Amino acid sequence: MDSAPVDGLLAPPAAPSPRPPTASTATGPVSTKIVIAGGFGVGKTTAVGAISEIEPLRTEAAMTAASVGVDDTDQVAQKTTTTVAMDFGRLTLGDGLVLYLFGTPGQDRFWFMWDELVRGAVGAVALVDTRRLADGFPAIDYFEQRGLPFVVGINTFDGAPAHHVDEVREALAIPADVPIRPCDARDRESVRALLIEVTRHALHRARARA
């Protein structure tokens, strides 16, 4: 005699559990904000333009006689325009990470705008020019005072004196835990590497605090 059927034996198999959604499919791309700061004519606008995947927003104005004696153009004699508000660009990295880039104006008369530009930023780049290292102090001091993770990019201008990273660190009194790397603001891959360095440094700082 056949045995009685076991309950559920002939029931259809259960449907497989769906895979948990990834961050990119569940919430869309993750966006974050990075600020690029530095002295007058150090290469901020050039860096944003070199890396942005969209047409960058620039707020440049022609330099006039009013800037004579105010803006030091001795080392950037070819510069004829200056940023008066900000530069804006965008870069998409792997894993759905979108970086929104904000370049600050370099002249001290526009520093009042920096507080708004860095609001909500996760990290920053302080660009320096070895021909005018002292111009890098304001940006470095600003980020240190606000506790914002930052890296220092040494923009390699043609004809600029070549200093070792350790020499620049000592000259600008940059803490040992702040990354410093040479870069070329005209080169897309060089700027990209600098921004990746900022992102990693900011993540490391966040994990250390946690």
C-alpha atoms as a PDB file:
ATOM      1  CA  MET A   1       0.000   0.000   0.000  1.00  0.00           C
ATOM      2  CA  ASP A   2       1.254   3.404  -0.870  1.00  0.00           C
ATOM      3  CA  SER A   3       2.085   5.592   2.094  1.00  0.00           C
ATOM      4  CA  ALA A   4       0.213   8.819   2.604  1.00  0.00           C
ATOM      5  CA  PRO A   5       1.771  11.787   0.934  1.00  0.00           C
ATOM      6  CA  VAL A   6       3.892  13.980   3.151  1.00  0.00           C
ATOM      7  CA  ASP A   7       2.471  17.469   3.584  1.00  0.00           C
ATOM      8  CA  GLY A   8       4.227  19.894   1.287  1.00  0.00           C
ATOM      9  CA  LEU A   9       6.066  17.213  -0.666  1.00  0.00           C
ATOM     10  CA  LEU A  10       4.310  18.062  -3.911  1.00  0.00           C
ATOM     11  CA  ALA A  11       4.187  21.806  -3.244  1.00  0.00           C
ATOM     12  CA  PRO A  12       6.037  23.985  -5.786  1.00  0.00           C
ATOM     13  CA  PRO A  13       9.499  25.065  -4.687  1.00  0.00           C
ATOM     14  CA  ALA A  14       9.737  28.435  -2.989  1.00  0.00           C
ATOM     15  CA  ALA A  15      10.873  31.335  -5.151  1.00  0.00           C
ATOM     16  CA  PRO A  16      14.503  32.329  -4.562  1.00  0.00           C
ATOM     17  CA  SER A  17      15.032  35.350  -2.352  1.00  0.00           C
ATOM     18  CA  PRO A  18      15.830  38.477  -4.348  1.00  0.00           C
ATOM     19  CA  ARG A  19      19.357  39.821  -4.136  1.00  0.00           C
ATOM     20  CA  PRO A  20      19.745  42.746  -1.778  1.00  0.00           C
ATOM     21  CA  PRO A  21      19.861  45.981  -3.761  1.00  0.00           C
ATOM     22  CA  THR A  22      23.222  47.646  -4.114  1.00  0.00           C
ATOM     23  CA  ALA A  23      23.758  51.281  -3.192  1.00  0.00           C
ATOM     24  CA  SER A  24      23.765  52.321  -6.827  1.00  0.00           C
ATOM     25  CA  THR A  25      20.497  50.553  -7.686  1.00  0.00           C
ATOM     26  CA  ALA A  26      18.670  51.384  -4.472  1.00  0.00           C
ATOM     27  CA  THR A  27      19.480  55.033  -4.072  1.00  0.00           C
ATOM     28  CA  GLY A  28      21.149  56.048  -7.327  1.00  0.00           C
ATOM     29  CA  PRO A  29      24.604  57.597  -7.638  1.00  0.00           C
ATOM     30  CA  VAL A  30      26.257  58.888  -4.479  1.00  0.00           C
ATOM     31  CA  SER A  31      27.334  62.504  -4.790  1.00  0.00           C
ATOM     32  CA  THR A  32      29.826  64.460  -2.761  1.00  0.00           C
ATOM     33  CA  LYS A  33      31.449  67.864  -2.853  1.00  0.00           C
ATOM     34  CA  ILE A  34      35.141  68.750  -3.063  1.00  0.00           C
ATOM     35  CA  VAL A  35      36.629  72.244  -2.937  1.00  0.00           C
ATOM     36  CA  ILE A  36      39.783  73.310  -4.789  1.00  0.00           C
ATOM     37  CA  ALA A  37      41.448  76.342  -3.213  1.00  0.00           C
ATOM     38  CA  GLY A  38      44.738  78.188  -3.361  1.00  0.00           C
ATOM     39  CA  GLY A  39      46.359  81.492  -4.117  1.00  0.00           C
ATOM     40  CA  PHE A  40      45.849  83.792  -7.063  1.00  0.00           C
ATOM     41  CA  GLY A  41      46.786  82.195 -10.391  1.00  0.00           C
ATOM     42  CA  VAL A  42      47.734  78.836  -8.876  1.00  0.00           C
ATOM     43  CA  GLY A  43      45.700  76.761 -11.360  1.00  0.00           C
ATOM     44  CA  LYS A  44      42.291  76.187  -9.769  1.00  0.00           C
ATOM     45  CA  THR A  45      40.263  77.134 -12.850  1.00  0.00           C
ATOM     46  CA  THR A  46      42.603  75.101 -15.049  1.00  0.00           C
ATOM     47  CA  ALA A  47      42.230  72.028 -12.820  1.00  0.00           C
ATOM     48  CA  VAL A  48      38.434  72.155 -12.817  1.00  0.00           C
ATOM     49  CA  GLY A  49      38.388  72.625 -16.590  1.00  0.00           C
ATOM     50  CA  ALA A  50      40.809  69.752 -17.163  1.00  0.00           C
ATOM     51  CA  ILE A  51      38.791  67.180 -15.220  1.00  0.00           C
ATOM     52  CA  SER A  52      35.129  68.192 -15.524  1.00  0.00           C
ATOM     53  CA  GLU A  53      32.980  65.889 -17.648  1.00  0.00           C
ATOM     54  CA  ILE A  54      30.564  68.758 -18.255  1.00  0.00           C
ATOM     55  CA  GLU A  55      31.267  72.213 -19.583  1.00  0.00           C
ATOM     56  CA  PRO A  56      32.572  73.879 -16.429  1.00  0.00           C
ATOM     57  CA  LEU A  57      30.868  76.937 -15.048  1.00  0.00           C
ATOM     58  CA  ARG A  58      33.367  79.772 -14.791  1.00  0.00           C
ATOM     59  CA  THR A  59      32.880  83.204 -13.268  1.00  0.00           C
ATOM     60  CA  GLU A  60      35.937  84.926 -14.666  1.00  0.00           C
ATOM     61  CA  ALA A  61      36.305  88.621 -15.347  1.00  0.00           C
ATOM     62  CA  ALA A  62      38.982  90.488 -17.228  1.00  0.00           C
ATOM     63  CA  MET A  63      41.665  91.980 -15.030  1.00  0.00           C
ATOM     64  CA  THR A  64      41.673  95.759 -15.145  1.00  0.00           C
ATOM     65  CA  ALA A  65      43.784  98.611 -13.844  1.00  0.00           C
ATOM     66  CA  ALA A  66      41.969  98.260 -10.521  1.00  0.00           C
ATOM     67  CA  SER A  67      43.978  95.104  -9.797  1.00  0.00           C
ATOM     68  CA  VAL A  68      47.341  96.849 -10.224  1.00  0.00           C
ATOM     69  CA  GLY A  69      49.157  96.740  -6.898  1.00  0.00           C
ATOM     70  CA  VAL A  70      46.540  94.362  -5.505  1.00  0.00           C
ATOM     71  CA  ASP A  71      47.077  91.142  -7.475  1.00  0.00           C
ATOM     72  CA  ASP A  72      50.673  89.973  -7.795  1.00  0.00           C
ATOM     73  CA  THR A  73      51.144  88.950 -11.432  1.00  0.00           C
ATOM     74  CA  ASP A  74      54.960  88.822 -11.425  1.00  0.00           C
ATOM     75  CA  GLN A  75      54.996  85.025 -11.808  1.00  0.00           C
ATOM     76  CA  VAL A  76      51.799  84.824 -13.898  1.00  0.00           C
ATOM     77  CA  ALA A  77      52.287  87.682 -16.325  1.00  0.00           C
ATOM     78  CA  GLN A  78      50.233  85.900 -18.982  1.00  0.00           C
ATOM     79  CA  LYS A  79      47.119  85.837 -16.769  1.00  0.00           C
ATOM     80  CA  THR A  80      44.478  88.259 -18.065  1.00  0.00           C
ATOM     81  CA  THR A  81      41.343  87.042 -16.231  1.00  0.00           C
ATOM     82  CA  THR A  82      40.503  86.176 -12.645  1.00  0.00           C
ATOM     83  CA  THR A  83      37.787  84.170 -10.875  1.00  0.00           C
ATOM     84  CA  VAL A  84      35.380  86.474  -9.054  1.00  0.00           C
ATOM     85  CA  ALA A  85      32.933  83.912  -7.623  1.00  0.00           C
ATOM     86  CA  MET A  86      33.693  80.229  -8.247  1.00  0.00           C
ATOM     87  CA  ASP A  87      34.431  77.508 -10.773  1.00  0.00           C
ATOM     88  CA  PHE A  88      32.110  74.508 -10.922  1.00  0.00           C
ATOM     89  CA  GLY A  89      32.550  71.094 -12.536  1.00  0.00           C
ATOM     90  CA  ARG A  90      31.532  67.462 -12.162  1.00  0.00           C
ATOM     91  CA  LEU A  91      33.359  64.134 -12.311  1.00  0.00           C
ATOM     92  CA  THR A  92      31.897  60.612 -12.117  1.00  0.00           C
ATOM     93  CA  LEU A  93      34.171  57.958 -10.620  1.00  0.00           C
ATOM     94  CA  GLY A  94      33.602  54.217 -10.455  1.00  0.00           C
ATOM     95  CA  ASP A  95      30.874  52.644  -8.277  1.00  0.00           C
ATOM     96  CA  GLY A  96      28.460  55.494  -8.935  1.00  0.00           C
ATOM     97  CA  LEU A  97      30.399  58.180  -7.045  1.00  0.00           C
ATOM     98  CA  VAL A  98      29.846  61.675  -8.436  1.00  0.00           C
ATOM     99  CA  LEU A  99      32.188  64.468  -7.373  1.00  0.00           C
ATOM    100  CA  TYR A 100      30.976  68.056  -7.574  1.00  0.00           C
ATOM    101  CA  LEU A 101      33.953  70.384  -7.792  1.00  0.00           C
ATOM    102  CA  PHE A 102      34.013  73.961  -6.557  1.00  0.00           C
ATOM    103  CA  GLY A 103      37.026  76.172  -7.241  1.00  0.00           C
ATOM    104  CA  THR A 104      37.396  79.162  -4.944  1.00  0.00           C
ATOM    105  CA  PRO A 105      38.518  82.648  -5.969  1.00  0.00           C
ATOM    106  CA  GLY A 106      42.133  83.218  -5.033  1.00  0.00           C
ATOM    107  CA  GLN A 107      42.322  86.885  -4.103  1.00  0.00           C
ATOM    108  CA  ASP A 108      41.921  87.711  -0.432  1.00  0.00           C
ATOM    109  CA  ARG A 109      39.163  90.243  -1.168  1.00  0.00           C
ATOM    110  CA  PHE A 110      36.946  87.308  -2.181  1.00  0.00           C
ATOM    111  CA  TRP A 111      37.702  85.088   0.821  1.00  0.00           C
ATOM    112  CA  PHE A 112      34.367  85.945   2.386  1.00  0.00           C
ATOM    113  CA  MET A 113      32.831  83.506  -0.152  1.00  0.00           C
ATOM    114  CA  TRP A 114      34.842  80.522   1.049  1.00  0.00           C
ATOM    115  CA  ASP A 115      32.506  79.719   3.965  1.00  0.00           C
ATOM    116  CA  GLU A 116      29.622  79.176   1.559  1.00  0.00           C
ATOM    117  CA  LEU A 117      31.662  77.231  -0.980  1.00  0.00           C
ATOM    118  CA  VAL A 118      32.998  74.725   1.577  1.00  0.00           C
ATOM    119  CA  ARG A 119      29.636  74.174   3.247  1.00  0.00           C
ATOM    120  CA  GLY A 120      28.841  70.453   2.954  1.00  0.00           C
ATOM    121  CA  ALA A 121      32.207  69.543   1.404  1.00  0.00           C
ATOM    122  CA  VAL A 122      33.785  66.238   2.445  1.00  0.00           C
ATOM    123  CA  GLY A 123      37.299  67.277   1.484  1.00  0.00           C
ATOM    124  CA  ALA A 124      39.451  69.829  -0.274  1.00  0.00           C
ATOM    125  CA  VAL A 125      42.556  70.386  -2.375  1.00  0.00           C
ATOM    126  CA  ALA A 126      45.000  73.149  -1.523  1.00  0.00           C
ATOM    127  CA  LEU A 127      46.939  73.933  -4.692  1.00  0.00           C
ATOM    128  CA  VAL A 128      50.356  75.537  -4.281  1.00  0.00           C
ATOM    129  CA  ASP A 129      52.920  77.028  -6.648  1.00  0.00           C
ATOM    130  CA  THR A 130      56.570  76.548  -5.675  1.00  0.00           C
ATOM    131  CA  ARG A 131      57.378  79.973  -7.110  1.00  0.00           C
ATOM    132  CA  ARG A 132      55.027  81.525  -4.527  1.00  0.00           C
ATOM    133  CA  LEU A 133      54.792  79.045  -1.680  1.00  0.00           C
ATOM    134  CA  ALA A 134      53.657  81.671   0.821  1.00  0.00           C
ATOM    135  CA  ASP A 135      50.413  82.081  -1.153  1.00  0.00           C
ATOM    136  CA  GLY A 136      49.468  78.566  -0.041  1.00  0.00           C
ATOM    137  CA  PHE A 137      49.252  79.418   3.672  1.00  0.00           C
ATOM    138  CA  PRO A 138      45.727  80.935   3.674  1.00  0.00           C
ATOM    139  CA  ALA A 139      44.052  77.856   2.141  1.00  0.00           C
ATOM    140  CA  ILE A 140      45.973  75.428   4.347  1.00  0.00           C
ATOM    141  CA  ASP A 141      45.235  77.435   7.500  1.00  0.00           C
ATOM    142  CA  TYR A 142      41.569  77.734   6.529  1.00  0.00           C
ATOM    143  CA  PHE A 143      41.068  73.982   6.112  1.00  0.00           C
ATOM    144  CA  GLU A 144      43.022  73.178   9.267  1.00  0.00           C
ATOM    145  CA  GLN A 145      40.951  75.580  11.379  1.00  0.00           C
ATOM    146  CA  ARG A 146      37.703  74.049  10.125  1.00  0.00           C
ATOM    147  CA  GLY A 147      38.862  70.460  10.466  1.00  0.00           C
ATOM    148  CA  LEU A 148      38.160  69.738   6.799  1.00  0.00           C
ATOM    149  CA  PRO A 149      40.216  66.860   5.349  1.00  0.00           C
ATOM    150  CA  PHE A 150      42.492  68.152   2.599  1.00  0.00           C
ATOM    151  CA  VAL A 151      45.460  67.248   0.464  1.00  0.00           C
ATOM    152  CA  VAL A 152      48.119  69.557  -0.948  1.00  0.00           C
ATOM    153  CA  GLY A 153      48.734  69.529  -4.685  1.00  0.00           C
ATOM    154  CA  ILE A 154      52.042  70.969  -5.913  1.00  0.00           C
ATOM    155  CA  ASN A 155      51.192  72.348  -9.344  1.00  0.00           C
ATOM    156  CA  THR A 156      54.199  71.760 -11.587  1.00  0.00           C
ATOM    157  CA  PHE A 157      54.419  74.972 -13.577  1.00  0.00           C
ATOM    158  CA  ASP A 158      56.939  75.141 -16.414  1.00  0.00           C
ATOM    159  CA  GLY A 159      60.125  76.700 -15.128  1.00  0.00           C
ATOM    160  CA  ALA A 160      59.077  76.505 -11.483  1.00  0.00           C
ATOM    161  CA  PRO A 161      61.743  75.347  -9.000  1.00  0.00           C
ATOM    162  CA  ALA A 162      61.504  71.637  -8.306  1.00  0.00           C
ATOM    163  CA  HIS A 163      61.257  70.987  -4.576  1.00  0.00           C
ATOM    164  CA  HIS A 164      60.978  67.631  -2.883  1.00  0.00           C
ATOM    165  CA  VAL A 165      57.656  66.911  -1.218  1.00  0.00           C
ATOM    166  CA  ASP A 166      59.334  66.873   2.202  1.00  0.00           C
ATOM    167  CA  GLU A 167      60.775  70.349   1.566  1.00  0.00           C
ATOM    168  CA  VAL A 168      57.332  71.710   0.710  1.00  0.00           C
ATOM    169  CA  ARG A 169      55.844  70.026   3.785  1.00  0.00           C
ATOM    170  CA  GLU A 170      58.440  71.661   6.016  1.00  0.00           C
ATOM    171  CA  ALA A 171      58.186  75.088   4.367  1.00  0.00           C
ATOM    172  CA  LEU A 172      54.388  75.197   4.738  1.00  0.00           C
ATOM    173  CA  ALA A 173      54.337  73.436   8.140  1.00  0.00           C
ATOM    174  CA  ILE A 174      51.944  70.788   6.813  1.00  0.00           C
ATOM    175  CA  PRO A 175      51.100  68.021   9.314  1.00  0.00           C
ATOM    176  CA  ALA A 176      52.532  64.585   8.604  1.00  0.00           C
ATOM    177  CA  ASP A 177      49.091  63.011   8.114  1.00  0.00           C
ATOM    178  CA  VAL A 178      48.160  65.388   5.267  1.00  0.00           C
ATOM    179  CA  PRO A 179      48.944  63.884   1.832  1.00  0.00           C
ATOM    180  CA  ILE A 180      51.075  65.942  -0.568  1.00  0.00           C
ATOM    181  CA  ARG A 181      51.586  65.097  -4.214  1.00  0.00           C
ATOM    182  CA  PRO A 182      52.885  66.849  -7.339  1.00  0.00           C
ATOM    183  CA  CYS A 183      50.298  67.404 -10.045  1.00  0.00           C
ATOM    184  CA  ASP A 184      49.768  69.105 -13.378  1.00  0.00           C
ATOM    185  CA  ALA A 185      46.549  71.127 -13.342  1.00  0.00           C
ATOM    186  CA  ARG A 186      46.418  70.905 -17.148  1.00  0.00           C
ATOM    187  CA  ASP A 187      46.429  67.102 -17.199  1.00  0.00           C
ATOM    188  CA  ARG A 188      43.149  65.243 -16.675  1.00  0.00           C
ATOM    189  CA  GLU A 189      44.675  62.075 -15.215  1.00  0.00           C
ATOM    190  CA  SER A 190      46.914  64.051 -12.868  1.00  0.00           C
ATOM    191  CA  VAL A 191      43.949  66.001 -11.482  1.00  0.00           C
ATOM    192  CA  ARG A 192      41.876  62.805 -11.268  1.00  0.00           C
ATOM    193  CA  ALA A 193      44.559  61.144  -9.144  1.00  0.00           C
ATOM    194  CA  LEU A 194      44.569  64.166  -6.844  1.00  0.00           C
ATOM    195  CA  LEU A 195      40.801  64.023  -6.369  1.00  0.00           C
ATOM    196  CA  ILE A 196      40.915  60.286  -5.664  1.00  0.00           C
ATOM    197  CA  GLU A 197      43.555  61.038  -3.032  1.00  0.00           C
ATOM    198  CA  VAL A 198      41.207  63.575  -1.415  1.00  0.00           C
ATOM    199  CA  THR A 199      38.350  61.063  -1.375  1.00  0.00           C
ATOM    200  CA  ARG A 200      40.514  58.373   0.218  1.00  0.00           C
ATOM    201  CA  HIS A 201      41.887  60.773   2.804  1.00  0.00           C
ATOM    202  CA  ALA A 202      38.416  61.989   3.756  1.00  0.00           C
ATOM    203  CA  LEU A 203      37.188  58.388   4.090  1.00  0.00           C
ATOM    204  CA  HIS A 204      40.185  57.467   6.232  1.00  0.00           C
ATOM    205  CA  ARG A 205      39.539  60.448   8.512  1.00  0.00           C
ATOM    206  CA  ALA A 206      35.871  59.531   8.840  1.00  0.00           C
ATOM    207  CA  ARG A 207      36.701  55.925   9.752  1.00  0.00           C
ATOM    208  CA  ALA A 208      39.314  57.050  12.274  1.00  0.00           C
ATOM    209  CA  ARG A 209      36.792  59.296  13.996  1.00  0.00           C
ATOM    210  CA  ALA A 210      34.183  56.530  14.031  1.00  0.00           C
END
